[in-house]
Amino acid sequence: MVKPLVIITGMTYFRIRSGSSNSSIYQFFQDLKEAIAGSERDFTRIPLRKAILLLSIPMVLEMIMESVFALADIFFVSRLGAEAVATVGITESLMTIIYAIGIGLSVGTTALVSRRIGEKRPGEAAVAAVQAIFTGLVVSLLFSVTGIFFARDLLGLMGASEATVEMGYMYPAIMLGGNGVIMLLFIINAVFRSSGDAAISMRILWFANILNIILDPLLIFGLGPFPELGVRGAAVATNTGRGIAVIYQLYLLGKGRYRVKVRANQVVIRIKEMVKLVKLSLGAIGQYIIATSSWIFLVWVVTSLGEDVVAGYTVAIRIIMFVLLPSWGMANAAATLVGQNLGANKPERAERSAWVVGIGNMVFLGLVSVIFIAIPGAFIGFFIDGVAEPVVFQSGVTCLRVVSFGFLIYAMGMVMINSINGAGDTATPVWINFIAFWLIEIPLAYLFTHVMELHINGVCYAILIGEAALTFIAIEVFRRGKWKLKKV
């Protein structure tokens, strides 16, 4: 996966053609090396193509590792049977609320930190980072209490059978109970990423997820001296890997070697700064809650089709996320460039950054969609035995193939939305998400499955149409350019 992404990103830097000089190719790989190692350049002053390359490569690699983790996690859990996979799928739908808040706070943090860095005010960027961390800790405590005491009730509410609830309730209890490490991992990585230290975010996430992948089989199956914990072992592995990564993040923030340096006198609650962050984040949280709550509804619809269908749907979505997360890495690069260039009073450069990244993203996801549409069974079969579990297998194949038809369009949509957020206009994407998901996707999912009886195809058609609607609206909003006037 790395190689095509590198080539696509590189195409925004220089065109590969017959007669290209060896010096151009050499310079590309030198810049690639700098992107992975970490760059100290001012991204508002260097050539735009180089800025996109230096920022997007580590962000893409960061998201690739997140994708690898998601697939590895479901690979090990799938060995425990359909009930275990269904437990993970249902819990993930519940966790989307936490992800929504964590990502929302990250978006607010990105808008503030990138703008302050563009204005050459790193001290104010550090203040914003501290307030974001405090806010994340407070919010996570509320979800921890809910998860620890009401895990059984939450699984039952989502339609899980009694057997699934009794077998897997510890998984949501541990995941929800330890949500603070997920929240802080999102927020602090956003600080590094939006300041321009994207390579640091990449290395932190790689460390967390490699540790998680190592612990998964040890704790799930009880290898060597480790206890056999079953599906709850996956939750313990996740919280352990990410918890250690958060400790490392805090160490780096305090060490003061990077663009954002947190000093002791900045580790205090500053109400004015926190209010500013919360106001920015509320719009982002709102848009992600709207988007992710629609996924909860979709899981509820799929659950009504049977747990085998839920299992197939869960595997397909994990595979889809494998390719969408790297694309989000490119979209995050666009958000950082938009914020920093607006801070440097270069709105036209900010706009051009988004369009260039969006086109590169379309090339990548367009190529992936061709593969998924042509041979979806090859990917689903890696996780599910089509002979032993035919319903699970066929449900996954259907979902992967149908949703992949929308990749090309959605590639531009995610860049447009992230760019508007990066400008500090987090309110506009709220109504874009509301229209696309609640007024279009959700009603269509219910109509297609319960009225037209299209089964799992109906849910997938609804996803496809909803994502296309989001993209077309976002492009029109971005083109009008009001986001350039946003003050943060």
Protein backbone atom coordinates (compact mmCIF):
# COMPACT_ATOMS: atom_id res chain seq x y z
CA MET A 1 0.00 0.00 0.00
CA VAL A 2 2.85 2.40 0.71
CA LYS A 3 4.31 2.35 -2.78
CA PRO A 4 1.24 3.52 -4.76
CA LEU A 5 0.54 6.20 -2.18
CA VAL A 6 4.10 7.47 -2.41
CA ILE A 7 3.90 7.56 -6.20
CA ILE A 8 0.57 9.40 -6.18
CA THR A 9 1.79 11.98 -3.68
CA GLY A 10 4.99 12.33 -5.63
CA MET A 11 3.00 13.11 -8.77
CA THR A 12 1.92 16.35 -7.12
CA TYR A 13 5.61 17.17 -6.71
CA PHE A 14 6.99 16.39 -10.13
CA ARG A 15 5.69 14.65 -13.23
CA ILE A 16 7.34 11.36 -14.12
CA ARG A 17 7.91 11.37 -17.87
CA SER A 18 10.49 10.15 -20.33
CA GLY A 19 13.41 12.52 -20.14
CA SER A 20 12.96 13.37 -16.46
CA SER A 21 16.38 14.14 -15.04
CA ASN A 22 18.03 11.89 -12.50
CA SER A 23 18.46 14.95 -10.30
CA SER A 24 14.67 15.41 -10.07
CA ILE A 25 14.18 11.80 -9.03
CA TYR A 26 17.04 12.09 -6.56
CA GLN A 27 15.50 15.25 -5.10
CA PHE A 28 12.15 13.52 -4.73
CA PHE A 29 13.63 10.71 -2.67
CA GLN A 30 15.63 13.20 -0.62
CA ASP A 31 12.39 14.99 0.21
CA LEU A 32 10.74 11.65 0.92
CA LYS A 33 13.50 10.88 3.40
CA GLU A 34 13.05 14.30 5.00
CA ALA A 35 9.28 13.78 5.28
CA ILE A 36 9.70 10.51 7.16
CA ALA A 37 12.52 11.79 9.38
CA GLY A 38 10.73 15.05 10.15
CA SER A 39 11.09 18.47 8.55
CA GLU A 40 11.78 21.85 10.15
CA ARG A 41 10.74 23.85 7.09
CA ASP A 42 8.15 26.64 7.04
CA PHE A 43 5.31 25.08 5.04
CA THR A 44 3.83 28.49 4.20
CA ARG A 45 6.97 29.58 2.31
CA ILE A 46 8.43 26.58 0.53
CA PRO A 47 7.02 25.49 -2.89
CA LEU A 48 3.51 24.15 -2.50
CA ARG A 49 4.25 20.77 -4.09
CA LYS A 50 7.13 20.21 -1.69
CA ALA A 51 4.98 21.28 1.28
CA ILE A 52 2.27 18.78 0.29
CA LEU A 53 4.85 16.01 -0.08
CA LEU A 54 6.58 16.69 3.24
CA LEU A 55 3.30 16.81 5.16
CA SER A 56 1.22 14.17 3.42
CA ILE A 57 3.75 11.31 3.38
CA PRO A 58 4.03 10.92 7.19
CA MET A 59 0.29 11.49 7.59
CA VAL A 60 -0.49 8.79 5.02
CA LEU A 61 1.98 6.38 6.64
CA GLU A 62 0.42 7.14 10.03
CA MET A 63 -3.01 6.21 8.76
CA ILE A 64 -1.70 3.14 6.95
CA MET A 65 -0.54 1.76 10.29
CA GLU A 66 -3.95 2.53 11.78
CA SER A 67 -5.44 0.58 8.87
CA VAL A 68 -3.09 -2.35 9.43
CA PHE A 69 -4.05 -2.43 13.09
CA ALA A 70 -7.78 -2.44 12.30
CA LEU A 71 -7.37 -5.42 9.99
CA ALA A 72 -5.00 -7.30 12.31
CA ASP A 73 -7.40 -6.82 15.21
CA ILE A 74 -10.40 -8.22 13.36
CA PHE A 75 -8.21 -11.01 11.87
CA PHE A 76 -7.40 -12.38 15.33
CA VAL A 77 -10.90 -11.83 16.70
CA SER A 78 -12.48 -13.57 13.68
CA ARG A 79 -10.77 -16.80 14.83
CA LEU A 80 -13.13 -16.78 17.83
CA GLY A 81 -16.29 -17.00 15.68
CA ALA A 82 -19.14 -14.83 14.43
CA GLU A 83 -20.33 -13.88 17.94
CA ALA A 84 -16.93 -12.38 18.79
CA VAL A 85 -16.82 -10.45 15.50
CA ALA A 86 -20.36 -9.20 16.09
CA THR A 87 -19.34 -8.04 19.59
CA VAL A 88 -16.46 -6.04 18.13
CA GLY A 89 -18.69 -4.61 15.40
CA ILE A 90 -21.40 -3.52 17.82
CA THR A 91 -18.85 -2.07 20.25
CA GLU A 92 -17.19 -0.17 17.42
CA SER A 93 -20.54 1.40 16.60
CA LEU A 94 -20.79 2.53 20.24
CA MET A 95 -17.19 3.74 20.23
CA THR A 96 -17.94 5.96 17.27
CA ILE A 97 -19.43 8.50 19.67
CA ILE A 98 -16.10 8.63 21.49
CA TYR A 99 -14.25 8.80 18.20
CA ALA A 100 -16.57 11.63 17.17
CA ILE A 101 -15.71 13.69 20.23
CA GLY A 102 -12.01 12.82 20.06
CA ILE A 103 -11.80 13.67 16.37
CA GLY A 104 -13.94 16.77 16.93
CA LEU A 105 -11.54 18.02 19.60
CA SER A 106 -8.68 17.16 17.25
CA VAL A 107 -10.25 19.27 14.50
CA GLY A 108 -10.62 22.22 16.87
CA THR A 109 -7.05 21.72 18.02
CA THR A 110 -5.83 21.52 14.41
CA ALA A 111 -7.57 24.78 13.48
CA LEU A 112 -6.08 26.65 16.44
CA VAL A 113 -2.58 25.19 16.43
CA SER A 114 -2.07 25.42 12.65
CA ARG A 115 -3.31 29.02 12.61
CA ARG A 116 -1.04 30.03 15.51
CA ILE A 117 1.95 28.34 13.87
CA GLY A 118 1.18 30.17 10.61
CA GLU A 119 1.07 33.43 12.57
CA LYS A 120 4.48 32.54 14.12
CA ARG A 121 3.01 32.34 17.66
CA PRO A 122 4.14 28.91 18.93
CA GLY A 123 3.56 29.84 22.57
CA GLU A 124 -0.14 30.32 21.90
CA ALA A 125 -0.17 27.00 20.06
CA ALA A 126 1.14 25.32 23.24
CA VAL A 127 -1.62 26.95 25.29
CA ALA A 128 -4.25 25.57 22.91
CA ALA A 129 -2.67 22.10 23.19
CA VAL A 130 -2.88 22.08 26.99
CA GLN A 131 -6.53 23.15 27.00
CA ALA A 132 -7.36 20.41 24.50
CA ILE A 133 -5.73 17.77 26.73
CA PHE A 134 -7.66 18.95 29.80
CA THR A 135 -10.93 18.93 27.86
CA GLY A 136 -10.31 15.42 26.55
CA LEU A 137 -9.63 14.07 30.04
CA VAL A 138 -12.85 15.49 31.48
CA VAL A 139 -15.01 14.15 28.65
CA SER A 140 -13.41 10.69 28.74
CA LEU A 141 -14.27 10.22 32.43
CA LEU A 142 -18.00 10.41 31.65
CA PHE A 143 -17.76 7.64 29.06
CA SER A 144 -15.56 5.51 31.30
CA VAL A 145 -18.21 5.37 34.01
CA THR A 146 -20.94 4.53 31.49
CA GLY A 147 -18.93 1.76 29.87
CA ILE A 148 -17.78 0.10 33.07
CA PHE A 149 -21.21 -0.14 34.66
CA PHE A 150 -23.56 -0.52 31.68
CA ALA A 151 -21.66 -2.64 29.12
CA ARG A 152 -24.25 -5.47 29.15
CA ASP A 153 -27.13 -3.04 28.71
CA LEU A 154 -25.44 -1.28 25.81
CA LEU A 155 -24.85 -4.53 23.90
CA GLY A 156 -28.44 -5.60 24.47
CA LEU A 157 -29.75 -2.22 23.38
CA MET A 158 -27.88 -2.59 20.09
CA GLY A 159 -29.67 -5.88 19.38
CA ALA A 160 -27.02 -8.44 20.43
CA SER A 161 -28.31 -11.86 21.47
CA GLU A 162 -28.10 -12.99 25.11
CA ALA A 163 -25.29 -15.40 24.20
CA THR A 164 -23.28 -12.61 22.58
CA VAL A 165 -23.85 -10.30 25.55
CA GLU A 166 -22.66 -12.87 28.10
CA MET A 167 -19.69 -13.93 25.99
CA GLY A 168 -18.45 -10.48 25.07
CA TYR A 169 -19.65 -7.80 27.51
CA MET A 170 -16.14 -7.31 28.92
CA TYR A 171 -14.94 -6.09 25.52
CA PRO A 172 -17.10 -2.92 25.51
CA ALA A 173 -16.52 -2.48 29.27
CA ILE A 174 -12.75 -2.33 28.76
CA MET A 175 -12.87 -0.31 25.56
CA LEU A 176 -15.28 2.29 26.91
CA GLY A 177 -13.66 2.28 30.33
CA GLY A 178 -10.26 3.06 28.84
CA ASN A 179 -11.46 5.53 26.23
CA GLY A 180 -9.27 8.27 27.70
CA VAL A 181 -6.16 6.87 26.00
CA ILE A 182 -7.93 6.94 22.64
CA MET A 183 -9.12 10.50 23.24
CA LEU A 184 -5.67 11.78 24.20
CA LEU A 185 -3.92 9.90 21.40
CA PHE A 186 -6.16 11.68 18.88
CA ILE A 187 -5.76 15.12 20.44
CA ILE A 188 -2.00 15.12 21.05
CA ASN A 189 -1.22 13.67 17.64
CA ALA A 190 -3.32 16.50 16.17
CA VAL A 191 -1.08 18.98 18.00
CA PHE A 192 2.08 17.54 16.43
CA ARG A 193 0.47 17.07 13.02
CA SER A 194 -1.03 20.55 12.69
CA SER A 195 2.14 22.26 13.89
CA GLY A 196 4.06 20.61 11.06
CA ASP A 197 5.69 17.78 13.05
CA ALA A 198 3.70 15.11 11.23
CA ALA A 199 6.57 12.60 11.42
CA ILE A 200 6.26 12.56 15.22
CA SER A 201 2.56 11.67 15.00
CA MET A 202 3.44 8.93 12.53
CA ARG A 203 6.07 7.35 14.79
CA ILE A 204 3.83 7.50 17.86
CA LEU A 205 0.94 5.75 16.13
CA TRP A 206 3.24 3.14 14.62
CA PHE A 207 4.66 2.40 18.06
CA ALA A 208 1.19 2.12 19.64
CA ASN A 209 -0.25 -0.13 16.96
CA ILE A 210 2.78 -2.41 16.57
CA LEU A 211 2.64 -3.04 20.31
CA ASN A 212 -1.10 -3.66 20.01
CA ILE A 213 -0.65 -6.14 17.16
CA ILE A 214 1.99 -8.04 19.15
CA LEU A 215 -0.22 -8.21 22.25
CA ASP A 216 -3.39 -9.23 20.36
CA PRO A 217 -2.62 -12.94 19.77
CA LEU A 218 -0.81 -13.26 23.09
CA LEU A 219 -3.82 -12.06 25.11
CA ILE A 220 -6.63 -13.38 22.90
CA PHE A 221 -5.32 -16.95 22.64
CA GLY A 222 -3.17 -17.12 25.80
CA LEU A 223 0.17 -17.80 24.15
CA GLY A 224 3.16 -18.50 26.39
CA PRO A 225 2.81 -17.05 29.91
CA PHE A 226 -0.12 -14.80 28.93
CA PRO A 227 -3.69 -15.60 30.06
CA GLU A 228 -6.29 -16.63 27.47
CA LEU A 229 -8.73 -13.71 27.56
CA GLY A 230 -10.66 -14.27 24.32
CA VAL A 231 -12.28 -11.22 22.80
CA ARG A 232 -11.58 -9.07 25.88
CA GLY A 233 -7.87 -9.67 25.23
CA ALA A 234 -8.19 -7.51 22.12
CA ALA A 235 -9.50 -4.65 24.28
CA VAL A 236 -6.70 -5.04 26.83
CA ALA A 237 -4.12 -5.02 24.02
CA THR A 238 -5.59 -1.86 22.49
CA ASN A 239 -5.67 0.09 25.75
CA THR A 240 -2.18 -1.04 26.72
CA GLY A 241 -0.57 -0.09 23.40
CA ARG A 242 -2.28 3.27 23.19
CA GLY A 243 -1.81 4.04 26.87
CA ILE A 244 1.96 3.66 26.60
CA ALA A 245 1.91 5.81 23.45
CA VAL A 246 0.08 8.62 25.30
CA ILE A 247 2.73 8.62 28.01
CA TYR A 248 5.36 9.00 25.30
CA GLN A 249 3.38 11.84 23.68
CA LEU A 250 3.27 13.78 26.95
CA TYR A 251 7.00 13.27 27.38
CA LEU A 252 7.70 14.72 23.92
CA LEU A 253 5.45 17.73 24.52
CA GLY A 254 7.33 18.56 27.71
CA LYS A 255 10.76 17.82 26.26
CA GLY A 256 10.48 20.90 24.05
CA ARG A 257 12.41 19.80 20.94
CA TYR A 258 9.55 20.36 18.49
CA ARG A 259 7.41 23.23 17.21
CA VAL A 260 4.96 23.04 20.13
CA LYS A 261 6.81 23.25 23.45
CA VAL A 262 4.68 22.99 26.60
CA ARG A 263 6.27 24.72 29.59
CA ALA A 264 5.34 24.20 33.26
CA ASN A 265 3.63 27.60 33.51
CA GLN A 266 1.33 26.63 30.62
CA VAL A 267 -0.05 23.54 32.37
CA VAL A 268 -3.03 25.41 33.84
CA ILE A 269 -6.67 25.76 32.88
CA ARG A 270 -7.23 28.99 30.95
CA ILE A 271 -10.95 29.47 30.62
CA LYS A 272 -10.78 31.93 27.73
CA GLU A 273 -8.63 29.62 25.62
CA MET A 274 -10.67 26.57 26.57
CA VAL A 275 -13.91 28.30 25.57
CA LYS A 276 -12.41 29.20 22.20
CA LEU A 277 -11.33 25.59 21.69
CA VAL A 278 -14.71 24.22 22.76
CA LYS A 279 -16.56 26.57 20.42
CA LEU A 280 -14.45 25.42 17.50
CA SER A 281 -14.68 21.79 18.54
CA LEU A 282 -18.45 21.81 19.04
CA GLY A 283 -19.03 22.22 15.35
CA ALA A 284 -16.56 19.46 14.56
CA ILE A 285 -17.98 17.21 17.29
CA GLY A 286 -21.46 17.89 15.95
CA GLN A 287 -20.55 16.91 12.40
CA TYR A 288 -18.82 13.71 13.49
CA ILE A 289 -21.62 12.77 15.87
CA ILE A 290 -24.06 13.21 13.01
CA ALA A 291 -21.87 11.11 10.73
CA THR A 292 -21.02 8.38 13.24
CA SER A 293 -24.47 8.14 14.77
CA SER A 294 -25.69 7.34 11.29
CA TRP A 295 -23.29 4.36 11.37
CA ILE A 296 -24.87 3.26 14.66
CA PHE A 297 -28.25 3.33 12.96
CA LEU A 298 -26.85 1.36 10.04
CA VAL A 299 -25.50 -1.30 12.44
CA TRP A 300 -28.95 -1.49 14.01
CA VAL A 301 -30.45 -2.04 10.55
CA VAL A 302 -27.85 -4.68 9.71
CA THR A 303 -28.37 -6.40 13.09
CA SER A 304 -32.01 -6.94 12.14
CA LEU A 305 -30.73 -9.03 9.22
CA GLY A 306 -28.93 -11.50 11.51
CA GLU A 307 -25.62 -11.78 13.34
CA ASP A 308 -23.96 -13.54 10.39
CA VAL A 309 -24.72 -10.51 8.24
CA VAL A 310 -23.37 -8.22 11.00
CA ALA A 311 -20.14 -10.21 11.03
CA GLY A 312 -19.71 -9.95 7.25
CA TYR A 313 -20.58 -6.26 7.29
CA THR A 314 -18.03 -5.66 10.09
CA VAL A 315 -15.22 -7.34 8.17
CA ALA A 316 -16.04 -5.39 4.99
CA ILE A 317 -16.10 -2.07 6.85
CA ARG A 318 -12.72 -2.84 8.42
CA ILE A 319 -11.27 -3.49 4.96
CA ILE A 320 -12.84 -0.28 3.65
CA MET A 321 -11.32 1.65 6.55
CA PHE A 322 -7.95 0.14 5.62
CA VAL A 323 -7.92 2.29 2.48
CA LEU A 324 -9.97 5.24 3.72
CA LEU A 325 -7.67 5.95 6.67
CA PRO A 326 -4.62 6.62 4.47
CA SER A 327 -6.86 8.90 2.41
CA TRP A 328 -7.76 10.72 5.60
CA GLY A 329 -4.03 11.17 6.10
CA MET A 330 -3.90 13.13 2.85
CA ALA A 331 -7.01 15.08 3.89
CA ASN A 332 -5.32 15.94 7.21
CA ALA A 333 -2.36 17.33 5.28
CA ALA A 334 -4.76 19.60 3.39
CA ALA A 335 -6.29 20.81 6.67
CA THR A 336 -2.87 21.68 8.10
CA LEU A 337 -1.82 23.54 4.95
CA VAL A 338 -5.08 25.47 4.82
CA GLY A 339 -4.80 26.53 8.46
CA GLN A 340 -1.15 27.51 8.30
CA ASN A 341 -1.50 29.43 5.04
CA LEU A 342 -4.53 31.34 6.30
CA GLY A 343 -2.50 32.22 9.40
CA ALA A 344 0.26 33.47 7.09
CA ASN A 345 -2.35 35.53 5.15
CA LYS A 346 -2.07 33.41 1.99
CA PRO A 347 -5.69 32.36 1.25
CA GLU A 348 -5.13 31.54 -2.44
CA ARG A 349 -2.29 29.18 -1.57
CA ALA A 350 -4.55 27.59 1.03
CA GLU A 351 -7.23 26.95 -1.60
CA ARG A 352 -4.78 25.56 -4.12
CA SER A 353 -3.42 23.15 -1.48
CA ALA A 354 -6.85 21.57 -1.03
CA TRP A 355 -7.50 21.06 -4.75
CA VAL A 356 -4.09 19.48 -5.40
CA VAL A 357 -4.41 17.07 -2.46
CA GLY A 358 -7.98 16.22 -3.46
CA ILE A 359 -6.97 15.22 -6.99
CA GLY A 360 -4.18 13.01 -5.65
CA ASN A 361 -6.63 11.38 -3.27
CA MET A 362 -9.03 10.65 -6.15
CA VAL A 363 -6.28 8.92 -8.11
CA PHE A 364 -5.43 6.65 -5.19
CA LEU A 365 -8.97 5.68 -4.17
CA GLY A 366 -10.03 5.32 -7.79
CA LEU A 367 -7.34 2.68 -8.33
CA VAL A 368 -8.28 0.86 -5.12
CA SER A 369 -11.97 0.82 -6.04
CA VAL A 370 -11.23 -1.01 -9.29
CA ILE A 371 -9.52 -3.81 -7.34
CA PHE A 372 -12.26 -4.09 -4.69
CA ILE A 373 -15.03 -4.14 -7.28
CA ALA A 374 -13.28 -6.80 -9.37
CA ILE A 375 -12.20 -9.28 -6.66
CA PRO A 376 -13.87 -8.50 -3.30
CA GLY A 377 -13.94 -12.19 -2.36
CA ALA A 378 -10.15 -12.35 -2.26
CA PHE A 379 -10.11 -9.80 0.56
CA ILE A 380 -13.12 -11.07 2.53
CA GLY A 381 -11.81 -14.63 2.21
CA PHE A 382 -8.68 -13.65 4.08
CA PHE A 383 -10.82 -13.27 7.21
CA ILE A 384 -13.84 -15.49 6.59
CA ASP A 385 -14.06 -19.11 5.38
CA GLY A 386 -16.59 -18.92 2.56
CA VAL A 387 -17.42 -22.63 2.79
CA ALA A 388 -17.86 -22.81 6.57
CA GLU A 389 -19.67 -19.45 6.88
CA PRO A 390 -21.28 -18.67 3.51
CA VAL A 391 -23.71 -16.00 4.78
CA VAL A 392 -20.95 -14.08 6.55
CA PHE A 393 -18.72 -14.34 3.48
CA GLN A 394 -21.36 -13.26 0.94
CA SER A 395 -22.52 -10.34 3.10
CA GLY A 396 -18.95 -9.07 3.31
CA VAL A 397 -18.39 -9.45 -0.44
CA THR A 398 -21.58 -7.54 -1.26
CA CYS A 399 -20.78 -4.69 1.10
CA LEU A 400 -17.18 -4.31 -0.07
CA ARG A 401 -18.09 -4.30 -3.77
CA VAL A 402 -21.04 -1.89 -3.59
CA VAL A 403 -19.46 0.69 -1.28
CA SER A 404 -16.27 0.71 -3.38
CA PHE A 405 -18.20 2.24 -6.29
CA GLY A 406 -18.28 5.51 -4.32
CA PHE A 407 -14.55 5.75 -3.50
CA LEU A 408 -13.63 8.04 -6.39
CA ILE A 409 -16.25 10.63 -5.48
CA TYR A 410 -15.76 10.46 -1.73
CA ALA A 411 -11.98 10.96 -2.11
CA MET A 412 -12.54 14.62 -2.98
CA GLY A 413 -15.33 15.02 -0.43
CA MET A 414 -13.18 14.13 2.58
CA VAL A 415 -10.49 16.59 1.49
CA MET A 416 -13.03 19.39 1.04
CA ILE A 417 -14.58 18.78 4.48
CA ASN A 418 -11.19 18.62 6.21
CA SER A 419 -10.01 21.77 4.45
CA ILE A 420 -13.07 23.72 5.59
CA ASN A 421 -12.47 22.46 9.13
CA GLY A 422 -8.79 23.38 8.91
CA ALA A 423 -9.84 26.94 8.12
CA GLY A 424 -11.71 27.05 11.42
CA ASP A 425 -15.19 26.87 9.87
CA THR A 426 -16.38 23.82 11.77
CA ALA A 427 -20.05 24.84 11.69
CA THR A 428 -20.67 24.50 7.95
CA PRO A 429 -19.77 20.79 7.75
CA VAL A 430 -22.40 20.13 10.45
CA TRP A 431 -25.30 20.83 8.12
CA ILE A 432 -23.48 19.15 5.22
CA ASN A 433 -23.21 15.96 7.28
CA PHE A 434 -26.81 16.31 8.50
CA ILE A 435 -28.19 16.50 4.97
CA ALA A 436 -26.01 13.69 3.60
CA PHE A 437 -26.43 11.22 6.44
CA TRP A 438 -29.68 11.96 8.28
CA LEU A 439 -31.83 13.29 5.46
CA ILE A 440 -30.50 10.99 2.73
CA GLU A 441 -28.50 7.97 3.97
CA ILE A 442 -30.57 6.87 6.98
CA PRO A 443 -34.03 7.11 5.37
CA LEU A 444 -32.74 5.29 2.29
CA ALA A 445 -31.18 2.52 4.40
CA TYR A 446 -34.51 1.86 6.12
CA LEU A 447 -36.46 2.15 2.87
CA PHE A 448 -34.17 -0.18 0.92
CA THR A 449 -34.02 -2.89 3.61
CA HIS A 450 -37.44 -2.85 5.32
CA VAL A 451 -39.71 -1.66 2.50
CA MET A 452 -37.97 -2.71 -0.70
CA GLU A 453 -36.36 -5.77 0.99
CA LEU A 454 -32.97 -5.34 -0.68
CA HIS A 455 -31.24 -6.96 2.34
CA ILE A 456 -27.58 -5.95 2.89
CA ASN A 457 -27.49 -4.41 -0.60
CA GLY A 458 -29.93 -1.77 0.59
CA VAL A 459 -27.65 -0.58 3.40
CA CYS A 460 -24.71 -0.40 0.99
CA TYR A 461 -26.68 1.55 -1.62
CA ALA A 462 -27.65 4.04 1.09
CA ILE A 463 -23.99 4.50 2.10
CA LEU A 464 -23.01 5.06 -1.52
CA ILE A 465 -25.68 7.70 -2.16
CA GLY A 466 -25.09 9.50 1.15
CA GLU A 467 -21.33 9.83 0.60
CA ALA A 468 -21.85 11.12 -2.94
CA ALA A 469 -24.28 13.76 -1.67
CA LEU A 470 -21.76 14.89 0.96
CA THR A 471 -19.04 15.30 -1.67
CA PHE A 472 -21.07 17.37 -4.12
CA ILE A 473 -22.32 19.73 -1.39
CA ALA A 474 -18.83 20.11 0.13
CA ILE A 475 -17.27 20.95 -3.23
CA GLU A 476 -19.83 23.70 -3.86
CA VAL A 477 -19.33 25.18 -0.38
CA PHE A 478 -15.55 25.13 -0.73
CA ARG A 479 -15.70 26.69 -4.18
CA ARG A 480 -17.67 29.69 -2.87
CA GLY A 481 -14.75 30.51 -0.54
CA LYS A 482 -16.44 31.93 2.57
CA TRP A 483 -14.18 29.74 4.71
CA LYS A 484 -11.26 32.07 3.80
CA LEU A 485 -12.79 34.83 5.94
CA LYS A 486 -13.04 32.73 9.13
CA LYS A 487 -11.18 34.18 12.14
CA VAL A 488 -9.92 31.91 14.92
